[in-house]
Each structure stands twice: as C-alpha cells, then as structure tokens.
Protein backbone atom coordinates (compact mmCIF):
# COMPACT_ATOMS: atom_id res chain seq x y z
CA MET A 1 107.51 103.06 141.52
CA LEU A 2 103.91 101.96 141.85
CA THR A 3 102.30 100.01 139.02
CA ASP A 4 100.00 101.83 136.60
CA LEU A 5 96.99 100.15 138.17
CA GLU A 6 98.09 101.11 141.70
CA ILE A 7 98.63 104.72 140.63
CA ALA A 8 95.23 104.83 138.97
CA ARG A 9 93.47 103.24 141.95
CA ASN A 10 95.07 105.67 144.41
CA ALA A 11 93.92 108.71 142.41
CA THR A 12 91.30 111.10 143.73
CA LEU A 13 88.93 111.72 140.85
CA ARG A 14 86.98 114.90 140.26
CA PRO A 15 83.21 114.43 140.09
CA ILE A 16 82.60 113.78 136.41
CA ALA A 17 79.90 116.45 136.36
CA ASP A 18 82.56 118.98 137.38
CA VAL A 19 84.76 117.82 134.52
CA ALA A 20 81.88 118.40 132.11
CA ARG A 21 81.24 121.86 133.55
CA SER A 22 84.92 122.76 133.20
CA MET A 23 84.43 122.20 129.45
CA GLY A 24 81.37 124.44 129.45
CA LEU A 25 79.02 121.54 128.73
CA PRO A 26 75.52 122.28 130.06
CA ASP A 27 73.75 119.51 131.97
CA GLU A 28 71.23 118.86 129.20
CA LEU A 29 74.04 117.80 126.82
CA VAL A 30 75.58 115.14 129.08
CA GLU A 31 74.25 111.82 130.32
CA PRO A 32 75.82 110.13 133.40
CA TYR A 33 76.98 106.57 132.84
CA GLY A 34 77.86 105.26 136.29
CA ARG A 35 79.99 107.31 138.69
CA HIS A 36 82.92 108.38 136.54
CA VAL A 37 81.79 108.44 132.90
CA MET A 38 79.38 110.53 130.87
CA LYS A 39 78.03 110.31 127.33
CA ILE A 40 77.90 113.59 125.40
CA ASP A 41 74.92 114.25 123.16
CA LEU A 42 75.84 115.08 119.56
CA ALA A 43 73.62 118.14 119.86
CA ALA A 44 76.66 119.67 121.57
CA ILE A 45 78.34 120.17 118.18
CA ALA A 46 75.72 122.69 117.07
CA ALA A 47 75.10 124.10 120.56
CA LEU A 48 78.78 125.03 121.02
CA ALA A 49 79.47 126.15 117.45
CA ASP A 50 79.69 129.88 118.30
CA ARG A 51 82.48 129.41 120.83
CA PRO A 52 86.15 130.14 119.99
CA ARG A 53 87.94 127.23 118.36
CA ALA A 54 90.76 125.52 120.24
CA LYS A 55 94.16 124.78 118.75
CA TYR A 56 94.22 121.28 117.22
CA VAL A 57 97.25 119.09 118.02
CA VAL A 58 97.88 115.54 116.77
CA VAL A 59 100.34 113.22 118.53
CA SER A 60 102.18 110.70 116.32
CA ALA A 61 105.55 108.95 116.47
CA ILE A 62 108.56 107.63 114.65
CA SER A 63 108.23 104.00 113.51
CA PRO A 64 107.81 102.19 116.81
CA THR A 65 109.55 99.27 118.43
CA PRO A 66 107.35 96.25 119.27
CA LEU A 67 107.03 97.77 122.75
CA GLY A 68 105.54 101.05 121.49
CA GLU A 69 106.97 104.51 122.12
CA GLY A 70 104.37 105.92 124.48
CA LYS A 71 102.12 107.99 122.20
CA THR A 72 99.08 107.61 124.46
CA THR A 73 101.08 108.38 127.58
CA THR A 74 102.63 111.40 125.85
CA ALA A 75 99.23 112.64 124.66
CA VAL A 76 97.87 112.37 128.22
CA GLY A 77 100.96 114.02 129.67
CA LEU A 78 100.80 116.87 127.17
CA ALA A 79 97.11 117.49 127.86
CA GLN A 80 97.94 117.65 131.57
CA GLY A 81 101.00 119.80 130.88
CA PHE A 82 98.89 122.55 129.34
CA LYS A 83 97.19 123.07 132.71
CA HIS A 84 100.61 123.78 134.22
CA ILE A 85 101.10 126.67 131.77
CA GLY A 86 97.64 128.08 132.38
CA LYS A 87 95.82 126.52 129.43
CA GLN A 88 92.74 124.27 129.26
CA ALA A 89 93.22 121.17 127.14
CA VAL A 90 90.81 118.45 126.09
CA LEU A 91 92.22 115.01 125.31
CA ALA A 92 90.71 112.83 122.55
CA LEU A 93 91.69 109.14 122.34
CA ARG A 94 90.52 105.88 120.84
CA GLN A 95 88.83 103.36 123.12
CA PRO A 96 91.01 100.31 123.86
CA SER A 97 90.06 96.98 122.34
CA MET A 98 89.77 94.12 124.78
CA GLY A 99 91.61 91.87 122.35
CA PRO A 100 94.97 93.61 122.91
CA THR A 101 94.08 94.33 126.56
CA PHE A 102 93.92 90.60 127.25
CA GLY A 103 96.64 89.91 124.68
CA ILE A 104 99.98 91.74 124.78
CA LYS A 105 99.18 95.25 126.01
CA GLY A 106 97.32 94.48 129.22
CA GLY A 107 95.66 97.92 128.99
CA ALA A 108 95.80 101.14 126.99
CA ALA A 109 95.00 103.99 129.35
CA GLY A 110 98.41 105.63 129.22
CA GLY A 111 100.99 104.96 131.92
CA GLY A 112 102.59 106.11 135.15
CA TYR A 113 101.30 109.53 136.16
CA SER A 114 99.84 110.23 132.72
CA GLN A 115 96.76 108.03 132.55
CA VAL A 116 93.05 108.22 131.79
CA VAL A 117 90.97 107.01 134.72
CA PRO A 118 89.20 104.97 135.94
CA MET A 119 91.65 102.55 134.35
CA GLU A 120 89.51 99.43 134.79
CA THR A 121 86.43 101.13 133.37
CA LEU A 122 88.32 102.42 130.34
CA ASN A 123 89.92 99.08 129.47
CA LEU A 124 86.98 96.79 130.26
CA HIS A 125 83.83 97.49 128.22
CA LEU A 126 83.57 101.24 129.06
CA THR A 127 80.01 102.11 127.96
CA GLY A 128 79.58 99.14 125.66
CA ASP A 129 80.38 100.94 122.38
CA PHE A 130 82.50 98.04 121.14
CA HIS A 131 79.68 95.61 121.85
CA ALA A 132 77.29 97.81 119.89
CA VAL A 133 79.69 97.81 116.93
CA THR A 134 80.03 94.02 117.23
CA SER A 135 76.26 93.57 117.25
CA ALA A 136 75.62 95.95 114.35
CA HIS A 137 78.34 94.34 112.24
CA ASN A 138 77.07 90.83 112.96
CA MET A 139 73.48 91.86 112.27
CA LEU A 140 74.54 92.67 108.71
CA ALA A 141 76.42 89.36 108.47
CA ALA A 142 73.30 87.51 109.65
CA LEU A 143 71.13 89.33 107.09
CA VAL A 144 73.56 88.45 104.31
CA ASP A 145 73.30 84.76 105.10
CA ASN A 146 69.54 85.04 105.64
CA HIS A 147 69.22 86.60 102.18
CA LEU A 148 71.15 83.70 100.65
CA HIS A 149 69.01 81.16 102.54
CA HIS A 150 65.76 82.69 101.29
CA GLY A 151 66.60 82.55 97.60
CA ASN A 152 69.24 85.21 96.96
CA ALA A 153 66.96 87.68 95.17
CA LEU A 154 69.85 90.13 94.70
CA ASP A 155 71.86 87.44 92.84
CA ILE A 156 74.86 87.80 95.15
CA ASP A 157 77.92 85.88 94.02
CA VAL A 158 78.69 83.91 97.19
CA ARG A 159 82.39 83.82 96.28
CA SER A 160 82.53 87.63 96.30
CA ILE A 161 81.18 88.19 99.83
CA THR A 162 83.72 90.19 101.84
CA TRP A 163 81.71 90.75 105.03
CA PRO A 164 82.95 88.46 107.84
CA ARG A 165 81.79 88.38 111.44
CA VAL A 166 83.60 90.14 114.29
CA LEU A 167 84.45 89.58 117.95
CA ASP A 168 86.41 91.76 120.43
CA VAL A 169 88.75 88.92 121.38
CA ASN A 170 92.09 87.77 119.98
CA ASP A 171 91.31 84.32 118.55
CA ARG A 172 93.36 82.99 115.63
CA ALA A 173 91.16 79.87 115.36
CA LEU A 174 88.33 82.04 114.01
CA ARG A 175 90.27 83.62 111.14
CA ASN A 176 88.85 81.09 108.68
CA VAL A 177 85.59 79.27 109.32
CA VAL A 178 82.82 77.56 107.37
CA VAL A 179 79.28 78.75 108.10
CA GLY A 180 75.98 77.08 107.23
CA LEU A 181 77.01 73.53 108.09
CA GLY A 182 74.22 71.15 108.99
CA GLY A 183 70.89 70.66 107.28
CA ARG A 184 68.97 72.83 104.79
CA ALA A 185 67.46 74.84 107.63
CA ASP A 186 70.91 75.90 108.80
CA GLY A 187 71.70 78.20 105.89
CA VAL A 188 73.95 78.19 102.84
CA THR A 189 77.33 76.57 103.36
CA ARG A 190 80.21 78.91 102.52
CA GLN A 191 83.66 79.87 103.73
CA SER A 192 83.91 82.97 105.92
CA GLY A 193 85.80 84.11 109.01
CA PHE A 194 86.06 86.51 111.92
CA ASP A 195 87.91 89.81 112.34
CA ILE A 196 88.49 91.60 115.62
CA THR A 197 85.84 94.26 116.26
CA ALA A 198 88.34 97.12 115.90
CA ALA A 199 88.90 95.98 112.29
CA SER A 200 85.21 96.26 111.40
CA GLU A 201 84.22 98.80 108.78
CA VAL A 202 81.43 99.73 111.18
CA MET A 203 84.09 100.84 113.66
CA ALA A 204 85.92 102.77 110.94
CA LEU A 205 82.81 104.66 109.88
CA LEU A 206 81.78 105.28 113.50
CA GLY A 207 85.07 107.12 113.89
CA LEU A 208 84.44 109.21 110.77
CA THR A 209 80.74 110.02 111.08
CA THR A 210 79.67 113.60 111.77
CA ASP A 211 76.13 113.06 113.08
CA LEU A 212 73.41 110.43 113.35
CA ALA A 213 72.07 111.04 109.82
CA ASP A 214 75.59 110.70 108.40
CA LEU A 215 76.03 107.46 110.36
CA ARG A 216 72.82 106.06 108.89
CA ALA A 217 73.87 107.02 105.36
CA ARG A 218 77.36 105.52 105.76
CA LEU A 219 75.91 102.25 107.02
CA GLY A 220 73.71 102.08 103.95
CA ARG A 221 76.72 102.48 101.64
CA ILE A 222 78.60 99.47 103.05
CA VAL A 223 79.38 97.00 100.24
CA ILE A 224 79.25 93.35 101.35
CA GLY A 225 79.98 91.74 97.99
CA TRP A 226 79.06 91.74 94.32
CA THR A 227 76.37 90.29 92.08
CA HIS A 228 77.15 87.77 89.36
CA GLY A 229 76.80 90.71 86.98
CA GLY A 230 79.53 92.68 88.74
CA GLU A 231 77.37 95.19 90.62
CA PRO A 232 78.07 96.10 94.28
CA VAL A 233 75.60 94.86 96.90
CA THR A 234 75.03 97.26 99.80
CA ALA A 235 73.66 97.08 103.31
CA GLU A 236 70.86 99.37 102.14
CA GLN A 237 69.80 96.84 99.52
CA LEU A 238 69.76 94.15 102.20
CA GLU A 239 67.54 96.39 104.38
CA ALA A 240 70.11 96.14 107.18
CA ALA A 241 71.28 99.73 107.65
CA GLY A 242 68.29 100.90 109.70
CA SER A 243 68.66 98.16 112.31
CA MET A 244 72.40 98.75 112.46
CA ALA A 245 71.85 102.47 113.08
CA VAL A 246 69.43 101.70 115.92
CA MET A 247 72.07 99.52 117.56
CA LEU A 248 74.62 102.33 117.29
CA ARG A 249 72.50 105.31 118.35
CA GLU A 250 74.11 105.44 121.82
CA ALA A 251 77.55 104.32 120.67
CA VAL A 252 77.82 107.37 118.39
CA LYS A 253 77.96 109.63 121.46
CA PRO A 254 81.51 110.30 122.76
CA ASN A 255 82.47 109.17 126.26
CA LEU A 256 83.80 111.67 128.79
CA LEU A 257 86.39 110.56 131.36
CA GLN A 258 89.35 112.37 132.94
CA THR A 259 93.09 112.08 133.41
CA LEU A 260 94.82 111.62 136.75
CA GLU A 261 95.02 115.42 137.01
CA GLY A 262 91.38 116.01 136.12
CA THR A 263 91.89 117.01 132.48
CA PRO A 264 88.83 116.13 130.35
CA ALA A 265 89.33 113.04 128.17
CA LEU A 266 87.01 112.18 125.29
CA VAL A 267 87.35 108.47 124.55
CA HIS A 268 85.49 107.32 121.48
CA ALA A 269 85.72 104.76 118.67
CA GLY A 270 88.65 102.42 118.14
CA PRO A 271 89.40 101.76 114.46
CA PHE A 272 92.21 99.35 113.64
CA GLY A 273 95.48 101.09 112.85
CA ASN A 274 96.46 98.74 109.99
CA ILE A 275 93.40 98.76 107.73
CA ALA A 276 91.61 101.90 108.95
CA THR A 277 92.44 105.37 110.21
CA GLY A 278 93.71 104.41 113.67
CA ASN A 279 92.26 107.66 115.03
CA SER A 280 89.58 108.55 117.56
CA SER A 281 86.27 109.97 116.39
CA VAL A 282 85.54 113.09 114.41
CA VAL A 283 82.56 113.95 116.64
CA ALA A 284 84.71 113.87 119.79
CA ASP A 285 87.17 116.29 118.20
CA LEU A 286 84.41 118.61 116.96
CA ILE A 287 83.04 118.85 120.50
CA GLY A 288 86.46 119.19 122.12
CA LEU A 289 87.46 122.00 119.77
CA ARG A 290 84.78 124.21 121.37
CA CYS A 291 85.57 123.29 124.96
CA GLY A 292 89.07 124.54 125.72
CA ASP A 293 92.26 126.12 124.46
CA TYR A 294 93.77 122.95 122.94
CA VAL A 295 92.57 119.58 121.71
CA VAL A 296 95.22 116.87 121.92
CA THR A 297 94.47 113.75 119.91
CA GLU A 298 96.54 110.68 119.07
CA ALA A 299 97.05 108.96 115.70
CA GLY A 300 98.02 105.28 115.72
CA PHE A 301 101.44 103.84 114.87
CA GLY A 302 104.03 106.10 113.17
CA ALA A 303 103.56 109.35 111.27
CA ASP A 304 103.63 107.39 108.00
CA MET A 305 100.42 105.63 109.06
CA GLY A 306 98.13 107.20 111.68
CA ALA A 307 99.18 110.80 111.05
CA GLU A 308 98.97 110.45 107.25
CA ARG A 309 95.42 109.10 107.65
CA PHE A 310 94.57 111.81 110.15
CA PHE A 311 95.60 114.44 107.60
CA ASN A 312 94.15 112.88 104.45
CA ILE A 313 91.04 111.09 105.73
CA LYS A 314 89.92 112.37 109.14
CA CYS A 315 90.61 116.06 108.56
CA ARG A 316 88.77 115.97 105.21
CA VAL A 317 85.68 114.65 106.98
CA SER A 318 85.81 117.06 109.93
CA GLY A 319 86.81 120.07 107.87
CA GLU A 320 89.31 120.94 110.60
CA ALA A 321 93.02 121.71 110.07
CA PRO A 322 95.68 120.74 112.63
CA ASP A 323 97.75 123.53 114.13
CA ALA A 324 100.72 121.42 115.25
CA ALA A 325 101.93 117.83 115.37
CA VAL A 326 103.92 116.06 118.08
CA LEU A 327 106.33 113.34 116.99
CA VAL A 328 107.15 111.01 119.88
CA ALA A 329 110.66 109.56 119.80
CA THR A 330 112.62 107.38 122.20
CA THR A 331 116.32 106.63 122.22
CA ARG A 332 115.58 102.91 122.26
CA ALA A 333 113.56 103.15 119.04
CA LEU A 334 116.25 105.17 117.28
CA LYS A 335 118.85 102.64 118.42
CA MET A 336 116.66 99.86 117.00
CA HIS A 337 116.53 101.70 113.67
CA SER A 338 120.32 101.58 113.57
CA GLY A 339 119.93 97.88 112.76
CA ARG A 340 122.29 96.93 115.60
CA PHE A 341 119.68 95.63 118.05
CA THR A 342 116.63 93.37 118.10
CA ILE A 343 113.69 94.22 120.36
CA GLN A 344 110.97 91.66 121.02
CA ALA A 345 107.71 92.19 122.89
CA GLY A 346 107.65 90.28 126.15
CA LYS A 347 111.44 90.02 126.40
CA PRO A 348 113.92 92.25 128.27
CA LEU A 349 115.71 94.94 126.28
CA PRO A 350 119.23 93.94 125.16
CA ALA A 351 121.87 95.07 127.66
CA ASP A 352 123.91 96.75 124.92
CA LEU A 353 120.91 98.84 123.90
CA LEU A 354 120.65 100.26 127.42
CA ALA A 355 124.32 101.21 127.48
CA GLU A 356 125.23 104.84 126.79
CA ASN A 357 126.10 105.27 123.12
CA PRO A 358 124.92 108.39 121.25
CA ALA A 359 126.44 106.97 118.07
CA ASP A 360 123.76 104.25 118.03
CA VAL A 361 121.08 106.94 118.28
CA GLU A 362 122.63 108.88 115.41
CA ALA A 363 122.82 105.68 113.34
CA GLY A 364 119.04 105.35 113.50
CA ALA A 365 118.34 109.03 112.88
CA ALA A 366 117.07 108.58 109.32
CA ASN A 367 113.67 107.40 110.58
CA LEU A 368 113.22 110.48 112.76
CA VAL A 369 114.24 112.82 109.94
CA LYS A 370 111.86 111.18 107.45
CA GLN A 371 108.93 111.25 109.85
CA ILE A 372 109.53 114.96 110.50
CA GLU A 373 109.45 115.40 106.72
CA ASN A 374 106.18 113.44 106.53
CA LEU A 375 104.52 115.91 108.89
CA ARG A 376 105.88 118.86 106.92
CA LEU A 377 104.56 117.35 103.67
CA HIS A 378 101.13 118.30 104.97
CA GLY A 379 102.15 121.81 106.06
CA VAL A 380 102.08 121.05 109.79
CA SER A 381 104.63 122.35 112.33
CA PRO A 382 106.41 119.40 114.03
CA VAL A 383 107.49 119.18 117.66
CA VAL A 384 109.70 116.22 118.57
CA ALA A 385 108.84 114.91 122.05
CA ILE A 386 111.67 112.89 123.55
CA ASN A 387 109.79 110.43 125.77
CA ALA A 388 112.38 110.00 128.52
CA PHE A 389 112.84 106.65 130.25
CA PRO A 390 114.71 106.25 133.58
CA THR A 391 117.36 104.16 131.80
CA ASP A 392 118.08 106.92 129.23
CA HIS A 393 121.29 108.93 129.08
CA ALA A 394 121.49 112.71 128.75
CA SER A 395 124.05 112.43 125.95
CA GLU A 396 121.58 110.39 123.91
CA HIS A 397 118.80 112.92 124.50
CA GLU A 398 121.15 115.60 123.24
CA ALA A 399 121.84 113.50 120.14
CA VAL A 400 118.10 113.39 119.39
CA ARG A 401 117.87 117.12 119.96
CA ARG A 402 120.77 117.83 117.56
CA ILE A 403 119.24 115.62 114.88
CA ALA A 404 115.75 117.16 115.12
CA GLU A 405 116.89 120.75 115.44
CA GLY A 406 119.26 120.17 112.55
CA VAL A 407 116.24 119.77 110.27
CA GLY A 408 114.39 122.69 111.84
CA ALA A 409 112.03 120.92 114.26
CA ARG A 410 111.27 122.05 117.78
CA VAL A 411 112.35 119.59 120.48
CA ALA A 412 111.29 119.00 124.08
CA ILE A 413 112.25 116.38 126.65
CA SER A 414 109.24 115.08 128.54
CA THR A 415 109.15 113.11 131.80
CA HIS A 416 105.38 112.88 131.97
CA PHE A 417 105.39 109.15 132.83
CA ALA A 418 107.15 109.79 136.15
CA ASP A 419 106.09 113.39 136.77
CA GLY A 420 102.66 113.78 135.15
CA GLY A 421 101.77 117.17 133.71
CA ALA A 422 104.67 118.89 135.49
CA GLY A 423 107.03 116.72 133.44
CA ALA A 424 105.43 117.87 130.19
CA VAL A 425 105.71 121.63 130.69
CA GLU A 426 108.63 121.98 128.27
CA LEU A 427 106.64 120.00 125.69
CA ALA A 428 103.48 122.08 126.25
CA GLU A 429 105.44 125.31 125.75
CA ALA A 430 106.99 124.00 122.52
CA VAL A 431 103.60 122.91 121.18
CA ARG A 432 102.08 126.27 122.14
CA GLU A 433 104.76 128.04 120.09
CA ALA A 434 104.33 125.70 117.12
CA ALA A 435 100.54 126.09 117.15
CA GLU A 436 100.85 129.87 116.91
CA GLU A 437 102.56 129.65 113.52
CA PRO A 438 100.28 130.32 110.53
CA SER A 439 98.85 127.02 109.28
CA THR A 440 99.69 125.89 105.75
CA PHE A 441 97.95 122.54 106.15
CA ALA A 442 96.76 120.80 102.99
CA PRO A 443 95.95 117.17 102.16
CA LEU A 444 98.53 115.31 100.13
CA TYR A 445 96.22 114.57 97.18
CA PRO A 446 92.82 115.66 95.81
CA LEU A 447 90.01 113.11 95.97
CA THR A 448 89.49 113.59 92.24
CA MET A 449 92.89 111.96 91.60
CA PRO A 450 92.55 108.38 90.24
CA LEU A 451 92.98 105.65 92.82
CA ARG A 452 96.24 104.39 91.31
CA GLU A 453 97.77 107.85 91.51
CA LYS A 454 96.66 108.28 95.13
CA ILE A 455 98.36 105.01 96.07
CA GLU A 456 101.50 106.01 94.16
CA THR A 457 101.54 109.44 95.82
CA ILE A 458 101.45 108.04 99.35
CA ALA A 459 103.96 105.28 98.58
CA THR A 460 106.53 107.57 96.96
CA ARG A 461 106.14 110.77 98.97
CA VAL A 462 105.39 109.39 102.46
CA TYR A 463 107.01 105.94 102.43
CA GLY A 464 109.93 106.77 100.13
CA ALA A 465 109.20 104.01 97.61
CA ASP A 466 110.41 104.19 94.02
CA GLY A 467 106.98 103.11 92.82
CA VAL A 468 104.11 100.63 93.23
CA ASP A 469 103.74 97.14 91.74
CA LEU A 470 100.10 96.06 91.49
CA SER A 471 99.27 92.37 91.26
CA PRO A 472 96.84 91.44 88.45
CA GLN A 473 94.15 90.96 91.10
CA ALA A 474 94.77 94.42 92.60
CA ALA A 475 94.69 96.03 89.16
CA ARG A 476 91.35 94.36 88.36
CA GLN A 477 89.91 95.43 91.71
CA LEU A 478 90.92 99.05 91.17
CA ASP A 479 89.29 99.00 87.74
CA THR A 480 86.12 97.55 89.27
CA TYR A 481 86.00 100.23 91.99
CA GLU A 482 86.51 103.02 89.46
CA ARG A 483 83.67 101.65 87.28
CA ALA A 484 81.40 101.36 90.34
CA GLY A 485 81.90 105.06 91.13
CA PHE A 486 84.30 104.60 94.06
CA GLY A 487 87.20 106.42 92.41
CA ASP A 488 86.77 109.53 94.56
CA LEU A 489 87.35 107.67 97.82
CA ALA A 490 90.41 108.31 99.96
CA VAL A 491 93.19 105.72 100.25
CA CYS A 492 94.27 103.95 103.45
CA ILE A 493 97.25 101.68 102.76
CA ALA A 494 97.40 98.54 104.92
CA LYS A 495 101.01 97.75 105.69
CA THR A 496 103.38 96.94 108.52
CA PRO A 497 103.80 99.57 111.26
CA ALA A 498 107.34 98.35 111.97
CA SER A 499 108.87 100.14 108.98
CA ILE A 500 108.16 103.23 106.91
CA SER A 501 108.32 100.77 104.00
CA SER A 502 106.02 97.80 103.43
CA ASP A 503 108.76 95.38 104.59
CA PRO A 504 109.05 95.08 108.40
CA ALA A 505 112.72 94.12 108.07
CA LEU A 506 113.69 97.48 106.52
CA LEU A 507 114.63 99.91 109.29
CA GLY A 508 115.47 103.60 109.24
CA ALA A 509 114.17 105.34 106.12
CA PRO A 510 114.60 102.78 103.31
CA THR A 511 115.18 103.84 99.70
CA GLY A 512 115.55 101.88 96.47
CA TRP A 513 112.48 99.69 96.98
CA ARG A 514 109.04 99.31 95.38
CA MET A 515 105.78 98.69 97.19
CA PRO A 516 103.88 95.55 96.17
CA VAL A 517 100.07 95.61 96.41
CA ARG A 518 98.51 92.15 96.31
CA GLU A 519 94.85 93.19 96.64
CA VAL A 520 92.66 96.22 97.24
CA ARG A 521 89.51 96.23 99.37
CA ALA A 522 86.84 98.91 99.63
CA SER A 523 85.35 100.35 102.83
CA VAL A 524 82.76 102.39 100.97
CA GLY A 525 80.73 103.29 104.05
CA ALA A 526 83.83 104.55 105.82
CA GLY A 527 84.91 106.38 102.66
CA PHE A 528 88.21 104.80 101.64
CA VAL A 529 89.79 101.91 99.79
CA TYR A 530 92.62 100.01 101.41
CA PRO A 531 95.37 98.51 99.29
CA ILE A 532 97.08 95.63 101.09
CA ALA A 533 100.86 95.78 100.97
CA GLY A 534 102.21 92.77 102.86
CA THR A 535 100.61 90.46 105.40
CA VAL A 536 97.99 92.13 107.60
CA ARG A 537 96.18 90.16 110.29
CA THR A 538 92.69 91.45 111.05
CA MET A 539 92.15 88.85 113.78
CA PRO A 540 95.15 88.76 116.14
CA GLY A 541 96.20 85.63 117.98
CA LEU A 542 97.31 85.22 121.57
CA SER A 543 100.94 84.77 122.64
CA LEU A 544 102.20 81.89 124.80
CA HIS A 545 101.72 84.01 127.92
CA PRO A 546 99.02 86.63 127.16
CA ALA A 547 97.87 89.24 129.64
CA ALA A 548 94.72 87.15 130.09
CA HIS A 549 96.82 84.77 132.22
CA ARG A 550 97.51 87.44 134.85
CA ILE A 551 94.31 89.54 134.82
CA ASP A 552 92.10 88.45 137.71
CA LEU A 553 90.04 89.55 140.71
CA ASP A 554 91.61 89.71 144.17
CA GLU A 555 89.91 88.69 147.42
CA ASP A 556 88.24 92.12 147.59
CA GLY A 557 86.80 91.86 144.09
CA GLN A 558 89.31 94.36 142.67
CA VAL A 559 90.80 93.88 139.20
CA VAL A 560 94.49 92.95 139.16
CA GLY A 561 96.90 92.42 136.27
CA LEU A 562 96.02 95.38 134.05
CA SER A 563 99.00 97.47 132.99
C-alpha cells in the first residue's frame, strides 16, 4: 500500500471554491488562502442562520494505546461515507501542532484513503493560526514583564505569575527557564518557562469563542497572576487584550480544506487534550451545522476526556446538542486493556497481540463498556466503530460486536483506512439511525454547582473513582477561585489519557480508587478551571528518533517523511 503522503500527493483535488459552493457559502463569505485553502468569515454564522440545521456527530474513542486508535481517520472516513449514502457531511477537526508533527506523530491529517488534503499544507503552518496564537500569548507575557520592569503599579506578586511563554515546538529544555538575567535594563529576574502553543489558554479560548467581540472579552478575562493582596490580575488590567485581539483577528476565522473525496473539512484551533477541551472550534461547528446534512467532529483522547469536555464545556458555549456519538475501538486496544500486553510507541506490536484470540479482546472489554456508559451519561446515542486493521481477525471483530451490542450500542465495522468512504458505509448508516433518535442530551452538572462538587461528579460518574483527595494547596486554590467569583466556571480535569482513572497503569475500567488532585489552575478567559490529577507535561520533549529526523525535502523540493 502507498504511504499516506504518496496517497495524498496522488489525489486530484476539487477547486476549493467548488468545495465552498457545495456548502452553500457565497463568495463574499470566503477568502482564498493559496490554491487549496480558504478562510471563512465569521459573518457566515449569522448569514446562514435560517438554513436547516445538520445532525451533529462527535467522534471519540475508548482509552487509546500509545499508537492511537484512529479517531481522526475514522472521522474523515465517516464524513466521506455519508456521501456514499447520499448525504452531505461537513468535517470539523483541530489543526495539528507542529510539535507532535515533528515529534512522534509525523502528521495528523488522517490516514490511508481517509485524509484531509493537502497533507503538507495542513501539517505545516496551514494559514498561520498557530503562529498568531503564539504571538498573542507572548505579547501578554512581554507586557507582564514590562509592567514589572516599570515599577509594578498593579502590585503583582511575582511568585504568583502563572503566564509562561509558548512555542510550537517540542523542547523539554524550555520547560523551566529564568528570564530577566543581565543588567537592570534587561527586566526583573524571575523563574518562568515555556509551554507548547497548543497548551496556551489563548488557544483554548480561540476554540471556544463565538465571535470577534467574544474573543476580545475572553482575552481581557485572562488571569496572569495575583496581587500581594490576593486579587486576580487580568490581561485587561495590563492593557494587553486589545493588541492580542488584533493579532488573532484572522486566526479566529475557520480554515476550509477538503478530504481525499472532496468532502468539506473545517480545520480550526488546536487546544491541548490534557489541560483544555481537545476539540476543534465552536465557530467552525456553528458554520458547518448550516452547510450540510451532518457535521462530524472529533474530540481528543478517550470518551472520558475529549467527549466529556465536548459535552460539558464546548456544547454549553455553542448552545448546540449532539445527535449521536461514535466510539472508535480497535481489537489491539481492547487486548491492551486486558493487561496481558505492553504497547510502546515506536516499537513493533507484540507478536502475541497480533495472534487470533477473542478471549484477549473480551478480557479488555470493561473499558469499552464504561466508555459507552460515559456517552450515555450525557443522553447521547453511541455507535461503536470497529476500526479494522489488516492484521485483525473476524472472530475478534465479532467479540467486539457481542460486547457492544450486549449493552445496547449500535456497532459497525469500518475499513475506511484502506477503502475510503466506501469502507465507512456501514458506519454512516449506523450513525444515521442513531442520529434520528430523539435527543435527551444534558450536561453532567450545572455551572452553579460548587467547584469541588463538579470535580467530584466527573471523577465518580465518568472516571469511576470512589472520591477525590485534594492536596492542601488544591483546597486553598479552590477557595481562592470561589472568592474571586470563578465558582461558576466549568471543570476540565487534567489527567493521563492512558487510563479512565488518573493512574496510567490502571487498565480497563478501574474501581476502588480515589483521584488525587495536587493543584488547580484557572483558565478564566477560556471559561474553566483545570484540576491537575497526576503528572501533565505542557511542553513535550523529543524522543531519541523523532519524526524531525526523517522529514526533509527531496531533489524536486517536495516534502518527504510526513506520515
């Protein structure tokens, strides 16, 4: 089989203007960006408001292996599959971060015959939105240090500053740095650090904003630290929010690309899946929902993380309710959850894992069953998509089907990687049926619930914990946020994606454990607090042999090494 890059490069793309017209987007609402990309003006939200609303479908997964279970590829395949049953779909995805692209992933456009194209354009800069987020974030960081240098009129407690700098590169050496070294003219010396751009609160709020005015207001609400008197210090007080908004005025517009089969793909925002929503933008979904029969969007990591945040954070902001949810499952992931195998990124799969053994699949079934339950907790109809690999066995697919149907979920086998949209017809039909059921969607908790109770609700009902243990520091921080008026924010728990629990070593659907929270941070501009349960890296490092070693230009100036 050809590589992903070869498949993408051999594709015949539709003129991007034709893709826009197929969505019913008039010329005055789109702006060409090169040959194969367009920006969509946010005026489209109001201009298209009278059109019929599409069905809203979120793609999530069971707790993944380190190799991932193919959510993006499945989302692309499903969107293409709808065309094969006579329906128009619009795909909505996050933009890839170049950190992972040059790190482990090597690209994030989907795979095989279910990709967003042009692949190189998507993975490498796109329209510069990430750079705009980087610049806006670092503008605020510069104004913080400038304020300290010029006398600190706001009386900021330097030890309380929580606003680092960001860069869209994996670089562990920048996690902890000292700024302001040198002479008096070089600023105030203090400890700081760098996060990856996708982990920026600016990226999180870009994904959740509803229009330009909302973006400007959210930027103003960002809290960078606290005064000596215990009051929050905001970007508005530092007179930074206006400049940040100017830097983001083009980045707030969704990007229009297409799949290999010409299905419209809205690619916009890229919030980190650990400490933020891990979902693409609200504005892209609001536009897509008036441009076809279905909107297919992806939520990062497993249903305990990206889907929970989609339901309880993103859908609150958009005011939209999902009509169905796809839960991607692979036999290799279920076998891993049996506890009998170890899977490591960059290493071949164990030979025993590839051998036919439905009993190993059944031994890891608890994770699948719990993640189906997590979707139903929110009143959403689940469809289990068995992402079929060439090395799979039919008996193991049947084991997954028995498990899922045994708890009342629809099931479809999908071969979209090898067969494109034609391989996702069974999945598209199952999703169509699920989306026709009356919606009973509801968030898991009201925003008026105290922060501690919100954390406890997610931990016990979604993760299966017996309770939550707050460190003294976390308890103090929650009290501070409640006093500052942040008690009505949503909650986005930062934890490992490798387990439904907060312990990456606990597979399946663990019970009899309690979730420790060592600290709680506030993304006030984005609209949530994030309790930290476990070790979460916001600036990844590079492996011994990162993708950066193989990505290059050939003698014809073509990119090679993306995957």
